[in-house]
Amino acid sequence: MVAGSPPQPEAIGPAPRYPIESVDNALQLLLLFAEQPRVRLTEVSKHLGVASSTAHRLLAMLQYRGYVQQDPTRAYEAGPVLRRLGVEALRQRDLLRQQDLSGAARPVLERLHDKLDGATTLGRVEGQHVVYVDQVRNIKVAPLPPGSIPAHCTSLGKMMLSQLEPDELRELYPQERLDQVTARSIAYRSVLEAELRLARLRGFAVSDEELLLGVTSVAVALPGLSGGRYGMSAALPARRMTPHTRGGAVRALTGAAAELSSLV
């Protein structure tokens, strides 16, 4: 076994009637890549308790099928197939989490809506855009513009973007100039970066008529969920969003977000 690696997992299913040792070794080898990013031939040999020639044949077959690959130092690392399987597993996990969130969110959003008398939303960010998981709204708040919703124009999007590292944000927004939905939308990445620093500092983000004229919203992140990828927002007519009202909305959102996080 490789020094510092966890013990090999115990069998979960019933023992096969005709076990194939080479298959078992290959599966145990794949699990090793879940624990450390790179391994060498001698480490594989020790981990499996097999000869170096056997370890080499196992690695060669996995490399042939794209499960592993060699880096410039000749160490082995996860290949494109293994990485794709990992991404798909994460996608499926996120889909299940979204379904759980959507089911649990409705009563929380409805109570928040009744308390604030404004549109309440649960959503997440995908790239440069916001995706709404669920929303409770009334006719006092204007309908959203058609098409995708730019994250930098919404409080929910800004709150999620504030969780990114500076280099991640610049990779997502390589250009300094940003598209505007209204005349009040942020037009430059440098201005967005400053606003995201402020949102990160105070724990909430604001969109002041940047998506819809006459509508102001505030948003907070859901704690402990998917690395901060989900958030909740409340939108009110701009004339009603006084500093006092905004403070109350942030407190209500924070409580609702904590409640929803505890349910899933």
Protein backbone atom coordinates (compact mmCIF):
# COMPACT_ATOMS: atom_id res chain seq x y z
CA MET A 1 0.00 0.00 0.00
CA VAL A 2 1.25 3.52 -0.81
CA ALA A 3 2.48 5.38 2.28
CA GLY A 4 -0.20 7.72 3.59
CA SER A 5 -2.98 6.21 1.46
CA PRO A 6 -6.14 4.93 3.14
CA PRO A 7 -6.73 1.20 3.56
CA GLN A 8 -8.34 -0.52 0.61
CA PRO A 9 -12.15 -0.39 0.84
CA GLU A 10 -14.05 -3.38 2.10
CA ALA A 11 -16.23 -5.24 -0.37
CA ILE A 12 -19.81 -3.92 -0.55
CA GLY A 13 -21.64 -6.47 -2.68
CA PRO A 14 -21.69 -10.26 -2.46
CA ALA A 15 -18.48 -12.06 -3.37
CA PRO A 16 -18.47 -13.21 -7.01
CA ARG A 17 -18.49 -16.91 -7.60
CA TYR A 18 -15.60 -16.68 -10.02
CA PRO A 19 -13.51 -13.65 -8.99
CA ILE A 20 -11.14 -12.17 -11.57
CA GLU A 21 -8.09 -10.87 -9.76
CA SER A 22 -6.90 -8.66 -12.61
CA VAL A 23 -10.26 -6.85 -12.74
CA ASP A 24 -10.23 -6.39 -8.97
CA ASN A 25 -6.71 -4.96 -9.13
CA ALA A 26 -7.71 -2.54 -11.90
CA LEU A 27 -10.70 -1.29 -9.89
CA GLN A 28 -8.59 -0.85 -6.77
CA LEU A 29 -6.06 1.03 -8.88
CA LEU A 30 -8.73 3.43 -10.14
CA LEU A 31 -9.75 4.13 -6.54
CA LEU A 32 -6.13 5.07 -5.82
CA PHE A 33 -6.44 7.97 -8.28
CA ALA A 34 -9.36 9.29 -6.22
CA GLU A 35 -6.99 9.67 -3.26
CA GLN A 36 -3.91 11.15 -4.91
CA PRO A 37 -3.47 12.98 -8.21
CA ARG A 38 -0.36 11.14 -9.44
CA VAL A 39 1.21 7.74 -8.80
CA ARG A 40 4.29 5.96 -10.04
CA LEU A 41 4.76 2.38 -11.11
CA THR A 42 6.55 1.38 -7.91
CA GLU A 43 3.71 2.87 -5.83
CA VAL A 44 1.11 0.91 -7.78
CA SER A 45 3.10 -2.29 -7.31
CA LYS A 46 3.28 -1.76 -3.54
CA HIS A 47 -0.34 -0.67 -3.26
CA LEU A 48 -1.68 -3.78 -5.01
CA GLY A 49 0.97 -6.17 -3.74
CA VAL A 50 1.87 -7.30 -7.25
CA ALA A 51 5.05 -7.46 -9.31
CA SER A 52 6.14 -4.36 -11.22
CA SER A 53 5.49 -6.14 -14.51
CA THR A 54 1.89 -6.85 -13.49
CA ALA A 55 1.38 -3.27 -12.34
CA HIS A 56 2.79 -2.03 -15.64
CA ARG A 57 0.38 -4.21 -17.67
CA LEU A 58 -2.59 -2.91 -15.64
CA LEU A 59 -1.53 0.69 -16.16
CA ALA A 60 -0.89 0.12 -19.86
CA MET A 61 -4.41 -1.25 -20.37
CA LEU A 62 -5.98 1.65 -18.42
CA GLN A 63 -3.91 4.08 -20.46
CA TYR A 64 -5.02 2.38 -23.67
CA ARG A 65 -8.68 2.94 -22.70
CA GLY A 66 -8.09 6.54 -21.64
CA TYR A 67 -8.60 6.03 -17.90
CA VAL A 68 -5.06 7.15 -17.05
CA GLN A 69 -2.28 9.02 -18.80
CA GLN A 70 1.34 9.88 -18.12
CA ASP A 71 2.57 13.36 -17.31
CA PRO A 72 5.96 14.72 -18.50
CA THR A 73 7.68 13.09 -15.50
CA ARG A 74 6.22 9.69 -16.53
CA ALA A 75 4.02 9.55 -13.44
CA TYR A 76 0.43 8.38 -14.00
CA GLU A 77 -2.56 10.65 -13.54
CA ALA A 78 -6.29 10.54 -14.33
CA GLY A 79 -6.94 10.41 -18.06
CA PRO A 80 -9.78 11.99 -20.09
CA VAL A 81 -12.23 9.11 -19.56
CA LEU A 82 -11.76 9.04 -15.77
CA ARG A 83 -12.07 12.82 -15.60
CA ARG A 84 -15.23 12.71 -17.72
CA LEU A 85 -16.75 10.14 -15.38
CA GLY A 86 -15.93 12.39 -12.43
CA VAL A 87 -17.54 15.41 -14.09
CA GLU A 88 -20.65 13.40 -14.91
CA ALA A 89 -20.88 12.17 -11.31
CA LEU A 90 -20.69 15.75 -10.07
CA ARG A 91 -23.34 16.81 -12.59
CA GLN A 92 -25.69 14.08 -11.42
CA ARG A 93 -25.07 15.05 -7.80
CA ASP A 94 -25.86 18.66 -8.60
CA LEU A 95 -29.05 17.65 -10.41
CA LEU A 96 -30.21 15.68 -7.38
CA ARG A 97 -29.31 18.59 -5.12
CA GLN A 98 -31.24 20.97 -7.35
CA GLN A 99 -34.30 18.71 -7.21
CA ASP A 100 -34.05 18.60 -3.42
CA LEU A 101 -33.66 22.36 -3.29
CA SER A 102 -36.56 22.99 -5.64
CA GLY A 103 -38.91 20.85 -3.57
CA ALA A 104 -37.86 22.36 -0.25
CA ALA A 105 -37.59 25.95 -1.51
CA ARG A 106 -41.21 26.66 -2.43
CA PRO A 107 -42.65 27.06 1.11
CA VAL A 108 -39.57 29.00 2.21
CA LEU A 109 -39.84 31.35 -0.78
CA GLU A 110 -43.58 31.78 -0.21
CA ARG A 111 -43.09 32.76 3.45
CA LEU A 112 -40.34 35.16 2.44
CA HIS A 113 -42.56 36.60 -0.29
CA ASP A 114 -45.42 37.16 2.17
CA LYS A 115 -43.07 38.85 4.63
CA LEU A 116 -41.41 41.19 2.12
CA ASP A 117 -44.24 41.57 -0.43
CA GLY A 118 -41.83 41.19 -3.35
CA ALA A 119 -40.47 38.59 -5.75
CA THR A 120 -38.31 35.94 -4.06
CA THR A 121 -35.95 33.70 -6.00
CA LEU A 122 -33.71 30.68 -5.57
CA GLY A 123 -31.06 30.39 -8.26
CA ARG A 124 -27.55 29.58 -9.26
CA VAL A 125 -24.94 30.82 -11.74
CA GLU A 126 -23.88 28.93 -14.85
CA GLY A 127 -21.03 30.73 -16.56
CA GLN A 128 -22.02 34.35 -17.10
CA HIS A 129 -25.74 33.74 -16.57
CA VAL A 130 -28.21 33.18 -13.77
CA VAL A 131 -30.50 30.15 -13.78
CA TYR A 132 -33.61 30.41 -11.62
CA VAL A 133 -34.45 27.17 -9.79
CA ASP A 134 -37.71 28.53 -8.33
CA GLN A 135 -39.39 31.88 -7.88
CA VAL A 136 -42.43 33.39 -6.17
CA ARG A 137 -43.46 36.74 -7.64
CA ASN A 138 -46.45 39.06 -7.77
CA ILE A 139 -47.73 41.54 -10.31
CA LYS A 140 -46.13 44.45 -8.44
CA VAL A 141 -42.73 43.42 -9.84
CA ALA A 142 -42.25 43.65 -13.61
CA PRO A 143 -41.63 40.47 -15.64
CA LEU A 144 -38.06 39.57 -16.50
CA PRO A 145 -36.62 40.50 -19.90
CA PRO A 146 -36.66 37.66 -22.46
CA GLY A 147 -33.61 35.46 -22.98
CA SER A 148 -30.81 34.55 -20.62
CA ILE A 149 -30.17 36.64 -17.53
CA PRO A 150 -26.66 38.18 -17.25
CA ALA A 151 -25.23 37.39 -13.82
CA HIS A 152 -23.46 40.74 -13.45
CA CYS A 153 -26.81 42.57 -13.75
CA THR A 154 -28.50 40.72 -10.85
CA SER A 155 -27.95 40.69 -7.12
CA LEU A 156 -28.11 36.88 -7.08
CA GLY A 157 -25.54 36.65 -9.84
CA LYS A 158 -23.24 39.13 -8.16
CA MET A 159 -23.44 37.23 -4.87
CA MET A 160 -22.42 34.02 -6.61
CA LEU A 161 -19.67 35.73 -8.61
CA SER A 162 -18.28 37.20 -5.39
CA GLN A 163 -17.39 33.63 -4.35
CA LEU A 164 -14.89 33.34 -7.23
CA GLU A 165 -11.18 34.01 -7.00
CA PRO A 166 -9.98 37.06 -8.99
CA ASP A 167 -8.33 34.91 -11.67
CA GLU A 168 -11.49 32.80 -12.02
CA LEU A 169 -13.57 35.93 -12.54
CA ARG A 170 -11.17 37.27 -15.19
CA GLU A 171 -11.25 33.94 -16.98
CA LEU A 172 -15.05 34.11 -16.97
CA TYR A 173 -15.02 37.77 -18.10
CA PRO A 174 -11.89 38.17 -20.26
CA GLN A 175 -13.05 41.52 -21.68
CA GLU A 176 -13.16 44.74 -19.69
CA ARG A 177 -16.37 45.88 -21.38
CA LEU A 178 -19.60 44.23 -20.18
CA ASP A 179 -22.99 44.16 -21.87
CA GLN A 180 -25.68 46.34 -20.31
CA VAL A 181 -29.36 45.45 -19.97
CA THR A 182 -30.36 48.89 -18.66
CA ALA A 183 -28.54 52.21 -18.47
CA ARG A 184 -27.76 51.39 -14.82
CA SER A 185 -26.12 48.02 -15.52
CA ILE A 186 -22.42 47.68 -14.74
CA ALA A 187 -20.50 48.30 -17.95
CA TYR A 188 -16.91 47.49 -16.93
CA ARG A 189 -15.27 44.47 -15.33
CA SER A 190 -13.17 46.66 -13.02
CA VAL A 191 -16.36 48.19 -11.59
CA LEU A 192 -17.85 44.72 -11.19
CA GLU A 193 -14.73 43.52 -9.35
CA ALA A 194 -15.04 46.40 -6.88
CA GLU A 195 -18.71 45.65 -6.28
CA LEU A 196 -17.99 41.96 -5.78
CA ARG A 197 -15.37 42.79 -3.16
CA LEU A 198 -17.99 44.85 -1.35
CA ALA A 199 -20.55 42.03 -1.58
CA ARG A 200 -18.03 39.54 -0.20
CA LEU A 201 -17.21 41.88 2.66
CA ARG A 202 -20.76 42.58 3.81
CA GLY A 203 -22.33 39.22 2.90
CA PHE A 204 -24.97 40.41 0.45
CA ALA A 205 -25.18 41.88 -3.03
CA VAL A 206 -27.41 44.57 -4.54
CA SER A 207 -28.78 45.18 -8.03
CA ASP A 208 -30.20 48.70 -8.30
CA GLU A 209 -32.33 48.83 -11.46
CA GLU A 210 -29.55 47.02 -13.34
CA LEU A 211 -31.78 44.25 -14.74
CA LEU A 212 -35.17 45.97 -14.67
CA LEU A 213 -35.76 49.69 -14.40
CA GLY A 214 -37.81 50.44 -11.30
CA VAL A 215 -36.75 47.22 -9.53
CA THR A 216 -34.04 46.79 -6.89
CA SER A 217 -32.99 43.45 -5.43
CA VAL A 218 -30.72 42.06 -2.72
CA ALA A 219 -29.28 38.54 -2.48
CA VAL A 220 -27.37 36.25 -0.13
CA ALA A 221 -25.63 32.92 -0.67
CA LEU A 222 -26.96 29.64 0.66
CA PRO A 223 -24.39 28.47 3.23
CA GLY A 224 -22.76 25.08 2.82
CA LEU A 225 -24.29 24.17 -0.55
CA SER A 226 -22.25 23.27 -3.65
CA GLY A 227 -19.38 25.57 -2.81
CA GLY A 228 -21.62 28.63 -2.61
CA ARG A 229 -23.16 28.12 -6.06
CA TYR A 230 -26.76 28.77 -4.93
CA GLY A 231 -28.30 31.96 -3.62
CA MET A 232 -31.60 33.61 -2.70
CA SER A 233 -32.77 37.07 -3.67
CA ALA A 234 -35.67 39.41 -2.98
CA ALA A 235 -36.79 42.08 -5.48
CA LEU A 236 -38.91 45.11 -4.66
CA PRO A 237 -39.98 48.26 -6.48
CA ALA A 238 -37.01 50.61 -6.25
CA ARG A 239 -39.05 53.28 -4.45
CA ARG A 240 -39.70 50.84 -1.59
CA MET A 241 -36.09 49.66 -1.21
CA THR A 242 -34.99 52.20 1.40
CA PRO A 243 -31.86 51.50 3.48
CA HIS A 244 -34.13 50.38 6.33
CA THR A 245 -36.12 48.06 4.04
CA ARG A 246 -32.94 46.70 2.53
CA GLY A 247 -31.56 45.83 5.96
CA GLY A 248 -34.75 43.99 6.85
CA ALA A 249 -34.73 42.14 3.53
CA VAL A 250 -31.13 41.03 4.03
CA ARG A 251 -31.92 39.72 7.52
CA ALA A 252 -35.00 37.88 6.23
CA LEU A 253 -33.03 36.41 3.33
CA THR A 254 -30.21 35.30 5.61
CA GLY A 255 -32.67 33.48 7.85
CA ALA A 256 -34.48 31.90 4.90
CA ALA A 257 -31.20 30.78 3.32
CA ALA A 258 -30.07 29.16 6.57
CA GLU A 259 -33.45 27.42 6.90
CA LEU A 260 -33.33 26.08 3.35
CA SER A 261 -29.74 24.88 3.75
CA SER A 262 -30.74 22.91 6.85
CA LEU A 263 -33.54 21.13 4.93
CA VAL A 264 -31.37 19.58 2.19
